[in-house]
Structures are given as structure tokens and as C-alpha cells.
Amino acid sequence: MSVIELTEPMDDEALRTVQFFRDRLAELERNWIELESKGFTVSGWVGHDSDGKFNTTGIPVSVHRLKGLYIDFRFFWGNEEPSHFFTVQGLIGKHCRDSNMVKAALKHNKRQWQRAGAGKKWHGLDTEEMIRAIFYGSIIHQAEDKQAALQNVKSVLSEPAAHHFLACTIWARTYPLRSLEWMLSPLTKDQQVVQVPDCFA
């Protein structure tokens, strides 16, 4: 592990964004622990049901309970959120312009985020489009312009499968989120540094 001093210190607003990110990630992780205690698992059988749609096991909780997970995840995915994954990545990059190690770590983290899509080899749906369709077509809003995309998801996946794949995608994206948190863990107002694994040297 290498400790990298920031090229320029973060001001109070940037530090508040970092703390908000930390707080929201802690809440997301508490949500996961509670879901797992109820039997939720990212593993399970995947196959076709009698309607020809993909179905899956592994969701012993209701869709209403999963909505809490989705709301917690939205803080890292919604474009207007200060704790958005790419906003926090950009914040680190902006304040560590002179470090090739930081740039390499952020590039790796971005790839992890983009590749974290569950079940695509079965259903063929684009991960971001699936999230948008379910979030804005039925969970958070019922946006008219997302109904066609939502129907496309429903034509391929049963409701349990759609929510299982979505929850598994969120689970996979907690890894790059945790990587960001780890990089930021030594950062305080009086200690303007981040840490990076030596493998990015």
C-alpha cells in the first residue's frame, strides 16, 4: 500500500461529499447484512419458466423489501446525487492529478463498475438500460418514456428474475464502491492523502 499526497487539498465542500459517500455506503452495507439475514443470496437456479421467460430462485424477500436496497443504491447511481460513483471517482482524480498510481487504480475501478452486470449472458439486456427501466419505469417513478424499456425487460425476465438480477448487479457494484472508500479512508481535513494498492505502481 502506498500513501499518496493530494496534488491540491480538498476544500470543505469536497470533504462533505466524501463523508456523505462514506455514510451512504455504510447504510447500503447495513441493508445488505439485513437482507442476507433474511435469506437473500446472489446465487440460485436460473432457467426458463413455462412462459419461456428466464426465472430464478434466491429471493425469499418481497419486492417491497428490495425497494429499500434500490433506494440506498440510487445514491451512487442517480445522476444528480453528490455521492454518485463517477462523481467521487472524479473528485479523487481531480485532487490527485500528479499520481499515475491513483489514475491506474481509478481506471481499474471504473472497469469493475462497468462490468458489474448480472445475468447478461442469459438475458442479453444492457445493464444500465435494465436499471433505468426498472428504477424509472416502476420502482422510483412510473415514467412514461421508460414503459417500452420496462416491457422489454418483462418480455425476457419474470418479475423475480428481474429483481434478482438487479439486486445481484447492485451487490457486484458494491466492490468498486468499497474500493473507493478504502482509497479515501486515511483522508481528513488535516491529512490530505489517499491510499492505493502497490499493484498499481
N, C-alpha and C. Protein backbone atom coordinates (compact mmCIF):
# COMPACT_ATOMS: atom_id res chain seq x y z
N MET A 1 0.84 -1.19 0.00
CA MET A 1 0.00 0.00 0.00
C MET A 1 0.88 1.25 0.00
N SER A 2 0.51 2.21 -0.83
CA SER A 2 1.22 3.48 -0.88
C SER A 2 0.27 4.60 -0.48
N VAL A 3 0.79 5.53 0.32
CA VAL A 3 0.02 6.71 0.71
C VAL A 3 0.42 7.85 -0.21
N ILE A 4 -0.57 8.42 -0.89
CA ILE A 4 -0.33 9.46 -1.90
C ILE A 4 -0.88 10.79 -1.41
N GLU A 5 -0.04 11.79 -1.39
CA GLU A 5 -0.50 13.13 -1.01
C GLU A 5 -1.27 13.76 -2.16
N LEU A 6 -2.34 14.44 -1.83
CA LEU A 6 -3.15 15.08 -2.87
C LEU A 6 -2.37 16.20 -3.54
N THR A 7 -2.60 16.37 -4.84
CA THR A 7 -1.98 17.46 -5.59
C THR A 7 -2.44 18.80 -5.04
N GLU A 8 -3.73 18.88 -4.72
CA GLU A 8 -4.29 20.07 -4.07
C GLU A 8 -5.26 19.60 -3.01
N PRO A 9 -5.31 20.25 -1.88
CA PRO A 9 -6.19 19.79 -0.79
C PRO A 9 -7.67 19.94 -1.15
N MET A 10 -8.47 19.07 -0.59
CA MET A 10 -9.93 19.17 -0.76
C MET A 10 -10.47 20.25 0.18
N ASP A 11 -11.37 21.07 -0.34
CA ASP A 11 -11.99 22.08 0.50
C ASP A 11 -13.13 21.47 1.31
N ASP A 12 -13.80 22.27 2.12
CA ASP A 12 -14.84 21.76 3.00
C ASP A 12 -15.99 21.12 2.22
N GLU A 13 -16.35 21.68 1.08
CA GLU A 13 -17.44 21.12 0.28
C GLU A 13 -17.07 19.73 -0.23
N ALA A 14 -15.85 19.57 -0.74
CA ALA A 14 -15.40 18.27 -1.23
C ALA A 14 -15.34 17.26 -0.09
N LEU A 15 -14.88 17.68 1.06
CA LEU A 15 -14.81 16.78 2.22
C LEU A 15 -16.20 16.36 2.68
N ARG A 16 -17.17 17.26 2.57
CA ARG A 16 -18.55 16.90 2.91
C ARG A 16 -19.08 15.84 1.93
N THR A 17 -18.72 15.97 0.66
CA THR A 17 -19.12 14.97 -0.33
C THR A 17 -18.53 13.61 0.01
N VAL A 18 -17.24 13.59 0.40
CA VAL A 18 -16.58 12.34 0.79
C VAL A 18 -17.28 11.72 2.00
N GLN A 19 -17.62 12.53 2.99
CA GLN A 19 -18.28 12.00 4.18
C GLN A 19 -19.68 11.49 3.86
N PHE A 20 -20.38 12.20 2.98
CA PHE A 20 -21.71 11.75 2.57
C PHE A 20 -21.61 10.40 1.87
N PHE A 21 -20.61 10.26 1.00
CA PHE A 21 -20.35 8.99 0.32
C PHE A 21 -20.11 7.87 1.34
N ARG A 22 -19.26 8.12 2.33
CA ARG A 22 -18.98 7.13 3.36
C ARG A 22 -20.26 6.73 4.11
N ASP A 23 -21.04 7.72 4.49
CA ASP A 23 -22.26 7.46 5.26
C ASP A 23 -23.27 6.65 4.46
N ARG A 24 -23.43 7.00 3.18
CA ARG A 24 -24.39 6.28 2.35
C ARG A 24 -23.94 4.85 2.08
N LEU A 25 -22.63 4.65 1.92
CA LEU A 25 -22.12 3.30 1.69
C LEU A 25 -22.32 2.44 2.95
N ALA A 26 -22.11 3.01 4.10
CA ALA A 26 -22.34 2.28 5.35
C ALA A 26 -23.81 1.86 5.45
N GLU A 27 -24.71 2.73 5.02
CA GLU A 27 -26.14 2.40 5.05
C GLU A 27 -26.46 1.28 4.06
N LEU A 28 -25.87 1.35 2.87
CA LEU A 28 -26.08 0.29 1.87
C LEU A 28 -25.59 -1.06 2.40
N GLU A 29 -24.44 -1.05 3.05
CA GLU A 29 -23.90 -2.30 3.57
C GLU A 29 -24.75 -2.84 4.72
N ARG A 30 -25.30 -1.97 5.55
CA ARG A 30 -26.21 -2.44 6.61
C ARG A 30 -27.46 -3.08 5.99
N ASN A 31 -27.91 -2.50 4.90
CA ASN A 31 -29.07 -3.05 4.19
C ASN A 31 -28.76 -4.46 3.69
N TRP A 32 -27.57 -4.66 3.13
CA TRP A 32 -27.16 -5.98 2.64
C TRP A 32 -27.13 -7.00 3.75
N ILE A 33 -26.55 -6.63 4.88
CA ILE A 33 -26.45 -7.55 6.01
C ILE A 33 -27.84 -7.99 6.46
N GLU A 34 -28.77 -7.03 6.49
CA GLU A 34 -30.13 -7.35 6.92
C GLU A 34 -30.82 -8.25 5.90
N LEU A 35 -30.61 -8.01 4.61
CA LEU A 35 -31.19 -8.85 3.57
C LEU A 35 -30.65 -10.28 3.67
N GLU A 36 -29.35 -10.41 3.87
CA GLU A 36 -28.73 -11.73 3.97
C GLU A 36 -29.27 -12.48 5.19
N SER A 37 -29.55 -11.76 6.26
CA SER A 37 -30.11 -12.40 7.46
C SER A 37 -31.49 -12.97 7.19
N LYS A 38 -32.17 -12.45 6.16
CA LYS A 38 -33.49 -12.94 5.78
C LYS A 38 -33.42 -14.01 4.71
N GLY A 39 -32.18 -14.41 4.33
CA GLY A 39 -32.01 -15.49 3.37
C GLY A 39 -31.73 -15.09 1.95
N PHE A 40 -31.61 -13.77 1.70
CA PHE A 40 -31.29 -13.35 0.33
C PHE A 40 -29.90 -13.83 -0.06
N THR A 41 -29.77 -14.31 -1.30
CA THR A 41 -28.47 -14.78 -1.79
C THR A 41 -28.30 -14.39 -3.24
N VAL A 42 -27.05 -14.15 -3.65
CA VAL A 42 -26.78 -13.81 -5.05
C VAL A 42 -26.67 -15.07 -5.91
N SER A 43 -26.64 -16.24 -5.27
CA SER A 43 -26.63 -17.49 -6.03
C SER A 43 -28.06 -17.96 -6.24
N GLY A 44 -28.23 -19.02 -7.01
CA GLY A 44 -29.57 -19.54 -7.24
C GLY A 44 -29.70 -20.14 -8.63
N TRP A 45 -30.76 -20.89 -8.81
CA TRP A 45 -31.04 -21.52 -10.10
C TRP A 45 -31.55 -20.48 -11.09
N VAL A 46 -31.11 -20.60 -12.36
CA VAL A 46 -31.62 -19.75 -13.44
C VAL A 46 -32.06 -20.66 -14.58
N GLY A 47 -33.26 -20.45 -15.07
CA GLY A 47 -33.75 -21.26 -16.18
C GLY A 47 -35.02 -20.66 -16.75
N HIS A 48 -35.59 -21.33 -17.76
CA HIS A 48 -36.81 -20.84 -18.39
C HIS A 48 -38.04 -21.37 -17.65
N ASP A 49 -39.04 -20.49 -17.49
CA ASP A 49 -40.30 -20.94 -16.92
C ASP A 49 -41.25 -21.37 -18.03
N SER A 50 -42.48 -21.67 -17.69
CA SER A 50 -43.44 -22.18 -18.69
C SER A 50 -43.80 -21.15 -19.75
N ASP A 51 -43.55 -19.86 -19.46
CA ASP A 51 -43.81 -18.79 -20.44
C ASP A 51 -42.62 -18.51 -21.33
N GLY A 52 -41.53 -19.24 -21.12
CA GLY A 52 -40.33 -19.02 -21.92
C GLY A 52 -39.45 -17.90 -21.41
N LYS A 53 -39.82 -17.28 -20.28
CA LYS A 53 -39.01 -16.22 -19.69
C LYS A 53 -37.98 -16.83 -18.74
N PHE A 54 -36.91 -16.07 -18.51
CA PHE A 54 -35.94 -16.52 -17.51
C PHE A 54 -36.54 -16.33 -16.12
N ASN A 55 -36.35 -17.36 -15.31
CA ASN A 55 -36.79 -17.29 -13.92
C ASN A 55 -35.61 -17.68 -13.04
N THR A 56 -35.72 -17.40 -11.76
CA THR A 56 -34.61 -17.68 -10.86
C THR A 56 -35.11 -17.90 -9.45
N THR A 57 -34.31 -18.56 -8.65
CA THR A 57 -34.57 -18.67 -7.23
C THR A 57 -33.62 -17.72 -6.51
N GLY A 58 -33.74 -17.62 -5.21
CA GLY A 58 -32.79 -16.81 -4.45
C GLY A 58 -33.37 -15.55 -3.86
N ILE A 59 -34.69 -15.32 -4.05
CA ILE A 59 -35.31 -14.12 -3.48
C ILE A 59 -36.39 -14.53 -2.49
N PRO A 60 -36.01 -14.79 -1.24
CA PRO A 60 -37.00 -15.13 -0.23
C PRO A 60 -37.60 -13.90 0.45
N VAL A 61 -37.33 -12.71 -0.13
CA VAL A 61 -37.88 -11.47 0.41
C VAL A 61 -38.77 -10.84 -0.65
N SER A 62 -39.67 -9.96 -0.21
CA SER A 62 -40.59 -9.34 -1.15
C SER A 62 -39.91 -8.23 -1.95
N VAL A 63 -40.51 -7.90 -3.10
CA VAL A 63 -40.01 -6.79 -3.91
C VAL A 63 -40.07 -5.50 -3.11
N HIS A 64 -41.07 -5.35 -2.24
CA HIS A 64 -41.19 -4.14 -1.42
C HIS A 64 -39.97 -4.00 -0.51
N ARG A 65 -39.46 -5.12 0.00
CA ARG A 65 -38.27 -5.05 0.84
C ARG A 65 -37.05 -4.67 0.01
N LEU A 66 -36.97 -5.16 -1.22
CA LEU A 66 -35.83 -4.82 -2.08
C LEU A 66 -35.82 -3.35 -2.45
N LYS A 67 -36.97 -2.69 -2.40
CA LYS A 67 -37.01 -1.27 -2.74
C LYS A 67 -36.09 -0.46 -1.82
N GLY A 68 -35.97 -0.88 -0.57
CA GLY A 68 -35.05 -0.20 0.35
C GLY A 68 -33.62 -0.29 -0.15
N LEU A 69 -33.24 -1.44 -0.67
CA LEU A 69 -31.91 -1.62 -1.25
C LEU A 69 -31.72 -0.71 -2.46
N TYR A 70 -32.75 -0.67 -3.30
CA TYR A 70 -32.65 0.15 -4.51
C TYR A 70 -32.51 1.64 -4.17
N ILE A 71 -33.25 2.08 -3.17
CA ILE A 71 -33.16 3.49 -2.77
C ILE A 71 -31.76 3.80 -2.25
N ASP A 72 -31.20 2.88 -1.44
CA ASP A 72 -29.84 3.09 -0.93
C ASP A 72 -28.82 3.10 -2.05
N PHE A 73 -29.01 2.24 -3.06
CA PHE A 73 -28.06 2.19 -4.18
C PHE A 73 -28.17 3.42 -5.07
N ARG A 74 -29.35 3.98 -5.15
CA ARG A 74 -29.57 5.13 -6.04
C ARG A 74 -28.63 6.30 -5.70
N PHE A 75 -28.19 6.38 -4.45
CA PHE A 75 -27.27 7.46 -4.07
C PHE A 75 -25.93 7.36 -4.82
N PHE A 76 -25.61 6.19 -5.36
CA PHE A 76 -24.35 6.00 -6.08
C PHE A 76 -24.56 5.92 -7.58
N TRP A 77 -25.81 5.93 -8.00
CA TRP A 77 -26.14 5.73 -9.42
C TRP A 77 -26.91 6.90 -10.02
N GLY A 78 -27.76 7.55 -9.24
CA GLY A 78 -28.56 8.67 -9.77
C GLY A 78 -27.69 9.84 -10.17
N ASN A 79 -27.92 10.37 -11.35
CA ASN A 79 -27.04 11.39 -11.92
C ASN A 79 -26.92 12.65 -11.07
N GLU A 80 -27.94 12.99 -10.32
CA GLU A 80 -27.93 14.23 -9.55
C GLU A 80 -27.37 14.04 -8.13
N GLU A 81 -26.98 12.83 -7.80
CA GLU A 81 -26.53 12.55 -6.44
C GLU A 81 -25.07 12.96 -6.24
N PRO A 82 -24.75 13.67 -5.15
CA PRO A 82 -23.35 14.04 -4.89
C PRO A 82 -22.45 12.84 -4.62
N SER A 83 -23.04 11.73 -4.19
CA SER A 83 -22.25 10.53 -3.90
C SER A 83 -22.20 9.57 -5.08
N HIS A 84 -22.63 10.01 -6.27
CA HIS A 84 -22.57 9.18 -7.47
C HIS A 84 -21.17 8.60 -7.64
N PHE A 85 -21.09 7.36 -8.04
CA PHE A 85 -19.81 6.67 -8.21
C PHE A 85 -18.83 7.51 -9.02
N PHE A 86 -19.25 7.99 -10.18
CA PHE A 86 -18.33 8.72 -11.05
C PHE A 86 -18.00 10.12 -10.50
N THR A 87 -18.90 10.70 -9.73
CA THR A 87 -18.61 11.99 -9.08
C THR A 87 -17.46 11.83 -8.09
N VAL A 88 -17.52 10.79 -7.28
CA VAL A 88 -16.48 10.57 -6.27
C VAL A 88 -15.18 10.15 -6.94
N GLN A 89 -15.28 9.32 -7.97
CA GLN A 89 -14.07 8.97 -8.74
C GLN A 89 -13.41 10.25 -9.28
N GLY A 90 -14.24 11.12 -9.86
CA GLY A 90 -13.72 12.35 -10.44
C GLY A 90 -13.12 13.27 -9.40
N LEU A 91 -13.70 13.27 -8.21
CA LEU A 91 -13.17 14.09 -7.12
C LEU A 91 -11.76 13.64 -6.75
N ILE A 92 -11.57 12.34 -6.66
CA ILE A 92 -10.23 11.82 -6.35
C ILE A 92 -9.27 12.15 -7.48
N GLY A 93 -9.69 11.92 -8.71
CA GLY A 93 -8.83 12.20 -9.86
C GLY A 93 -8.44 13.67 -9.96
N LYS A 94 -9.39 14.54 -9.69
CA LYS A 94 -9.13 15.99 -9.75
C LYS A 94 -8.09 16.42 -8.74
N HIS A 95 -8.11 15.82 -7.56
CA HIS A 95 -7.20 16.24 -6.49
C HIS A 95 -5.92 15.41 -6.43
N CYS A 96 -5.79 14.44 -7.34
CA CYS A 96 -4.56 13.62 -7.40
C CYS A 96 -4.04 13.57 -8.83
N ARG A 97 -3.99 14.72 -9.48
CA ARG A 97 -3.64 14.77 -10.90
C ARG A 97 -2.24 14.26 -11.19
N ASP A 98 -1.35 14.34 -10.23
CA ASP A 98 0.06 14.02 -10.49
C ASP A 98 0.42 12.56 -10.21
N SER A 99 -0.54 11.75 -9.81
CA SER A 99 -0.23 10.38 -9.42
C SER A 99 -0.71 9.37 -10.47
N ASN A 100 0.24 8.72 -11.11
CA ASN A 100 -0.11 7.67 -12.07
C ASN A 100 -0.71 6.46 -11.36
N MET A 101 -0.30 6.21 -10.11
CA MET A 101 -0.88 5.10 -9.35
C MET A 101 -2.37 5.32 -9.11
N VAL A 102 -2.73 6.54 -8.73
CA VAL A 102 -4.14 6.85 -8.50
C VAL A 102 -4.92 6.72 -9.80
N LYS A 103 -4.36 7.22 -10.89
CA LYS A 103 -5.04 7.13 -12.19
C LYS A 103 -5.28 5.68 -12.57
N ALA A 104 -4.29 4.82 -12.36
CA ALA A 104 -4.42 3.40 -12.70
C ALA A 104 -5.47 2.73 -11.82
N ALA A 105 -5.48 3.06 -10.53
CA ALA A 105 -6.47 2.47 -9.61
C ALA A 105 -7.88 2.90 -9.99
N LEU A 106 -8.05 4.17 -10.34
CA LEU A 106 -9.38 4.66 -10.72
C LEU A 106 -9.84 4.03 -12.04
N LYS A 107 -8.93 3.83 -12.96
CA LYS A 107 -9.27 3.19 -14.24
C LYS A 107 -9.74 1.76 -14.00
N HIS A 108 -9.03 1.04 -13.14
CA HIS A 108 -9.42 -0.34 -12.79
C HIS A 108 -10.79 -0.36 -12.12
N ASN A 109 -11.01 0.59 -11.23
CA ASN A 109 -12.28 0.67 -10.51
C ASN A 109 -13.43 0.95 -11.46
N LYS A 110 -13.20 1.83 -12.42
CA LYS A 110 -14.23 2.14 -13.42
C LYS A 110 -14.60 0.91 -14.22
N ARG A 111 -13.60 0.10 -14.62
CA ARG A 111 -13.87 -1.13 -15.36
C ARG A 111 -14.71 -2.09 -14.53
N GLN A 112 -14.39 -2.21 -13.24
CA GLN A 112 -15.17 -3.08 -12.36
C GLN A 112 -16.64 -2.64 -12.31
N TRP A 113 -16.85 -1.36 -12.20
CA TRP A 113 -18.22 -0.82 -12.15
C TRP A 113 -18.97 -1.14 -13.43
N GLN A 114 -18.32 -0.92 -14.56
CA GLN A 114 -18.98 -1.11 -15.86
C GLN A 114 -19.25 -2.58 -16.16
N ARG A 115 -18.40 -3.47 -15.66
CA ARG A 115 -18.57 -4.90 -15.94
C ARG A 115 -19.54 -5.59 -14.98
N ALA A 116 -19.96 -4.88 -13.95
CA ALA A 116 -20.79 -5.49 -12.91
C ALA A 116 -22.24 -5.56 -13.34
N GLY A 117 -22.53 -6.46 -14.25
CA GLY A 117 -23.90 -6.68 -14.69
C GLY A 117 -24.24 -8.15 -14.56
N ALA A 118 -25.26 -8.48 -13.78
CA ALA A 118 -25.58 -9.87 -13.51
C ALA A 118 -26.50 -10.45 -14.57
N GLY A 119 -26.17 -11.66 -15.04
CA GLY A 119 -27.06 -12.42 -15.90
C GLY A 119 -27.11 -12.03 -17.35
N LYS A 120 -26.25 -11.12 -17.80
CA LYS A 120 -26.33 -10.65 -19.18
C LYS A 120 -26.15 -11.78 -20.18
N LYS A 121 -25.32 -12.78 -19.83
CA LYS A 121 -25.10 -13.88 -20.76
C LYS A 121 -26.37 -14.70 -20.97
N TRP A 122 -27.32 -14.61 -20.03
CA TRP A 122 -28.59 -15.29 -20.21
C TRP A 122 -29.61 -14.40 -20.90
N HIS A 123 -29.80 -13.20 -20.34
CA HIS A 123 -30.92 -12.39 -20.84
C HIS A 123 -30.53 -11.40 -21.93
N GLY A 124 -29.24 -11.06 -22.08
CA GLY A 124 -28.79 -10.20 -23.16
C GLY A 124 -29.14 -8.73 -23.01
N LEU A 125 -29.68 -8.33 -21.84
CA LEU A 125 -30.08 -6.94 -21.63
C LEU A 125 -28.90 -6.09 -21.20
N ASP A 126 -28.84 -4.86 -21.69
CA ASP A 126 -27.82 -3.93 -21.27
C ASP A 126 -28.06 -3.56 -19.79
N THR A 127 -26.97 -3.61 -18.99
CA THR A 127 -27.11 -3.42 -17.55
C THR A 127 -27.71 -2.06 -17.21
N GLU A 128 -27.17 -0.99 -17.78
CA GLU A 128 -27.67 0.35 -17.45
C GLU A 128 -29.12 0.53 -17.89
N GLU A 129 -29.45 -0.03 -19.05
CA GLU A 129 -30.83 0.09 -19.52
C GLU A 129 -31.79 -0.68 -18.62
N MET A 130 -31.34 -1.84 -18.13
CA MET A 130 -32.18 -2.62 -17.23
C MET A 130 -32.43 -1.86 -15.93
N ILE A 131 -31.36 -1.27 -15.37
CA ILE A 131 -31.52 -0.50 -14.13
C ILE A 131 -32.47 0.67 -14.36
N ARG A 132 -32.25 1.42 -15.43
CA ARG A 132 -33.11 2.59 -15.70
C ARG A 132 -34.57 2.17 -15.88
N ALA A 133 -34.77 1.07 -16.64
CA ALA A 133 -36.14 0.62 -16.91
C ALA A 133 -36.87 0.25 -15.62
N ILE A 134 -36.20 -0.50 -14.74
CA ILE A 134 -36.86 -0.94 -13.51
C ILE A 134 -36.99 0.21 -12.52
N PHE A 135 -35.92 1.00 -12.36
CA PHE A 135 -35.98 2.13 -11.42
C PHE A 135 -37.02 3.15 -11.84
N TYR A 136 -36.90 3.65 -13.07
CA TYR A 136 -37.73 4.76 -13.50
C TYR A 136 -39.05 4.32 -14.14
N GLY A 137 -39.14 3.04 -14.49
CA GLY A 137 -40.39 2.55 -15.07
C GLY A 137 -41.37 2.02 -14.06
N SER A 138 -40.85 1.61 -12.86
CA SER A 138 -41.79 1.02 -11.89
C SER A 138 -41.45 1.28 -10.43
N ILE A 139 -40.17 1.35 -10.06
CA ILE A 139 -39.83 1.41 -8.64
C ILE A 139 -39.87 2.83 -8.09
N ILE A 140 -39.06 3.71 -8.66
CA ILE A 140 -38.94 5.07 -8.14
C ILE A 140 -39.97 5.99 -8.78
N HIS A 141 -40.14 5.85 -10.08
CA HIS A 141 -41.15 6.60 -10.82
C HIS A 141 -41.88 5.60 -11.71
N GLN A 142 -42.90 6.08 -12.37
CA GLN A 142 -43.54 5.29 -13.43
C GLN A 142 -43.51 6.14 -14.69
N ALA A 143 -42.29 6.49 -15.08
CA ALA A 143 -42.09 7.41 -16.20
C ALA A 143 -42.63 6.81 -17.50
N GLU A 144 -43.39 7.62 -18.22
CA GLU A 144 -44.00 7.17 -19.46
C GLU A 144 -42.94 6.75 -20.49
N ASP A 145 -41.85 7.51 -20.55
CA ASP A 145 -40.83 7.23 -21.56
C ASP A 145 -39.98 6.00 -21.23
N LYS A 146 -40.21 5.37 -20.06
CA LYS A 146 -39.47 4.15 -19.70
C LYS A 146 -40.33 2.90 -19.80
N GLN A 147 -41.61 3.06 -20.16
CA GLN A 147 -42.51 1.92 -20.18
C GLN A 147 -42.16 0.91 -21.28
N ALA A 148 -41.72 1.39 -22.43
CA ALA A 148 -41.33 0.45 -23.51
C ALA A 148 -40.12 -0.36 -23.09
N ALA A 149 -39.14 0.31 -22.44
CA ALA A 149 -37.94 -0.40 -21.97
C ALA A 149 -38.32 -1.39 -20.87
N LEU A 150 -39.25 -1.00 -20.00
CA LEU A 150 -39.69 -1.90 -18.93
C LEU A 150 -40.39 -3.13 -19.51
N GLN A 151 -41.22 -2.92 -20.52
CA GLN A 151 -41.89 -4.05 -21.15
C GLN A 151 -40.89 -4.98 -21.83
N ASN A 152 -39.81 -4.42 -22.35
CA ASN A 152 -38.76 -5.24 -22.94
C ASN A 152 -38.12 -6.14 -21.89
N VAL A 153 -37.85 -5.57 -20.71
CA VAL A 153 -37.31 -6.37 -19.60
C VAL A 153 -38.29 -7.47 -19.22
N LYS A 154 -39.57 -7.11 -19.11
CA LYS A 154 -40.60 -8.07 -18.70
C LYS A 154 -40.82 -9.17 -19.74
N SER A 155 -40.50 -8.87 -20.99
CA SER A 155 -40.68 -9.88 -22.04
C SER A 155 -39.61 -10.97 -21.97
N VAL A 156 -38.51 -10.66 -21.30
CA VAL A 156 -37.38 -11.59 -21.21
C VAL A 156 -37.30 -12.24 -19.83
N LEU A 157 -37.61 -11.47 -18.78
CA LEU A 157 -37.41 -11.92 -17.41
C LEU A 157 -38.73 -11.95 -16.63
N SER A 158 -38.91 -12.98 -15.84
CA SER A 158 -40.02 -12.97 -14.89
C SER A 158 -39.74 -11.87 -13.86
N GLU A 159 -40.75 -11.47 -13.10
CA GLU A 159 -40.53 -10.43 -12.09
C GLU A 159 -39.48 -10.85 -11.06
N PRO A 160 -39.53 -12.10 -10.52
CA PRO A 160 -38.47 -12.49 -9.57
C PRO A 160 -37.08 -12.45 -10.20
N ALA A 161 -36.97 -12.87 -11.46
CA ALA A 161 -35.66 -12.87 -12.12
C ALA A 161 -35.15 -11.45 -12.32
N ALA A 162 -36.02 -10.55 -12.74
CA ALA A 162 -35.61 -9.16 -12.96
C ALA A 162 -35.05 -8.55 -11.68
N HIS A 163 -35.74 -8.80 -10.57
CA HIS A 163 -35.28 -8.23 -9.30
C HIS A 163 -34.05 -8.96 -8.76
N HIS A 164 -33.95 -10.25 -9.02
CA HIS A 164 -32.75 -10.97 -8.58
C HIS A 164 -31.53 -10.47 -9.33
N PHE A 165 -31.63 -10.34 -10.66
CA PHE A 165 -30.50 -9.85 -11.44
C PHE A 165 -30.14 -8.41 -11.08
N LEU A 166 -31.15 -7.60 -10.83
CA LEU A 166 -30.89 -6.21 -10.44
C LEU A 166 -30.18 -6.15 -9.09
N ALA A 167 -30.67 -6.92 -8.12
CA ALA A 167 -30.04 -6.93 -6.81
C ALA A 167 -28.61 -7.48 -6.88
N CYS A 168 -28.39 -8.50 -7.72
CA CYS A 168 -27.05 -9.06 -7.87
C CYS A 168 -26.10 -8.06 -8.53
N THR A 169 -26.62 -7.26 -9.45
CA THR A 169 -25.80 -6.21 -10.06
C THR A 169 -25.39 -5.18 -9.02
N ILE A 170 -26.33 -4.80 -8.16
CA ILE A 170 -26.01 -3.86 -7.08
C ILE A 170 -24.95 -4.46 -6.17
N TRP A 171 -25.11 -5.73 -5.84
CA TRP A 171 -24.12 -6.43 -5.00
C TRP A 171 -22.73 -6.36 -5.64
N ALA A 172 -22.64 -6.63 -6.95
CA ALA A 172 -21.35 -6.59 -7.64
C ALA A 172 -20.76 -5.19 -7.65
N ARG A 173 -21.61 -4.18 -7.70
CA ARG A 173 -21.10 -2.81 -7.73
C ARG A 173 -20.69 -2.29 -6.36
N THR A 174 -21.01 -3.03 -5.31
CA THR A 174 -20.50 -2.62 -4.00
C THR A 174 -18.98 -2.79 -3.93
N TYR A 175 -18.41 -3.66 -4.76
CA TYR A 175 -16.95 -3.87 -4.71
C TYR A 175 -16.18 -2.62 -5.15
N PRO A 176 -16.48 -2.03 -6.32
CA PRO A 176 -15.79 -0.77 -6.64
C PRO A 176 -16.13 0.36 -5.69
N LEU A 177 -17.34 0.36 -5.12
CA LEU A 177 -17.67 1.37 -4.12
C LEU A 177 -16.79 1.21 -2.88
N ARG A 178 -16.60 -0.02 -2.44
CA ARG A 178 -15.74 -0.27 -1.28
C ARG A 178 -14.29 0.07 -1.59
N SER A 179 -13.87 -0.14 -2.83
CA SER A 179 -12.50 0.23 -3.22
C SER A 179 -12.29 1.73 -3.10
N LEU A 180 -13.30 2.50 -3.54
CA LEU A 180 -13.22 3.96 -3.40
C LEU A 180 -13.14 4.36 -1.93
N GLU A 181 -13.98 3.73 -1.12
CA GLU A 181 -13.98 4.05 0.30
C GLU A 181 -12.62 3.74 0.92
N TRP A 182 -12.04 2.61 0.54
CA TRP A 182 -10.73 2.23 1.07
C TRP A 182 -9.67 3.24 0.66
N MET A 183 -9.69 3.68 -0.60
CA MET A 183 -8.73 4.69 -1.05
C MET A 183 -8.86 5.97 -0.23
N LEU A 184 -10.08 6.32 0.12
CA LEU A 184 -10.34 7.57 0.83
C LEU A 184 -10.19 7.46 2.35
N SER A 185 -10.01 6.23 2.86
CA SER A 185 -10.08 6.02 4.31
C SER A 185 -9.11 6.86 5.13
N PRO A 186 -7.87 7.17 4.66
CA PRO A 186 -6.99 7.99 5.50
C PRO A 186 -7.24 9.50 5.36
N LEU A 187 -8.13 9.89 4.46
CA LEU A 187 -8.33 11.31 4.16
C LEU A 187 -9.11 12.02 5.26
N THR A 188 -8.55 13.10 5.78
CA THR A 188 -9.23 14.01 6.69
C THR A 188 -8.86 15.43 6.27
N LYS A 189 -9.48 16.40 6.92
CA LYS A 189 -9.15 17.79 6.62
C LYS A 189 -7.68 18.08 6.90
N ASP A 190 -7.14 17.47 7.95
CA ASP A 190 -5.75 17.72 8.35
C ASP A 190 -4.76 16.73 7.76
N GLN A 191 -5.28 15.69 7.10
CA GLN A 191 -4.41 14.68 6.48
C GLN A 191 -4.90 14.44 5.06
N GLN A 192 -4.42 15.24 4.14
CA GLN A 192 -4.92 15.25 2.77
C GLN A 192 -4.16 14.23 1.92
N VAL A 193 -4.50 12.95 2.16
CA VAL A 193 -3.85 11.84 1.45
C VAL A 193 -4.90 10.79 1.11
N VAL A 194 -4.57 9.96 0.12
CA VAL A 194 -5.34 8.76 -0.18
C VAL A 194 -4.37 7.58 -0.18
N GLN A 195 -4.90 6.36 -0.13
CA GLN A 195 -4.05 5.19 -0.21
C GLN A 195 -4.39 4.37 -1.45
N VAL A 196 -3.36 3.72 -2.00
CA VAL A 196 -3.51 2.96 -3.25
C VAL A 196 -2.76 1.64 -3.12
N PRO A 197 -3.31 0.53 -3.57
CA PRO A 197 -2.57 -0.73 -3.53
C PRO A 197 -1.31 -0.64 -4.38
N ASP A 198 -0.24 -1.28 -3.91
CA ASP A 198 1.04 -1.21 -4.62
C ASP A 198 1.00 -1.88 -6.00
N CYS A 199 0.00 -2.71 -6.25
CA CYS A 199 -0.10 -3.36 -7.56
C CYS A 199 -0.30 -2.35 -8.69
N PHE A 200 -0.68 -1.12 -8.36
CA PHE A 200 -0.89 -0.09 -9.38
C PHE A 200 0.34 0.78 -9.58
N ALA A 201 1.44 0.40 -8.95
CA ALA A 201 2.69 1.19 -9.09
C ALA A 201 3.25 1.06 -10.50
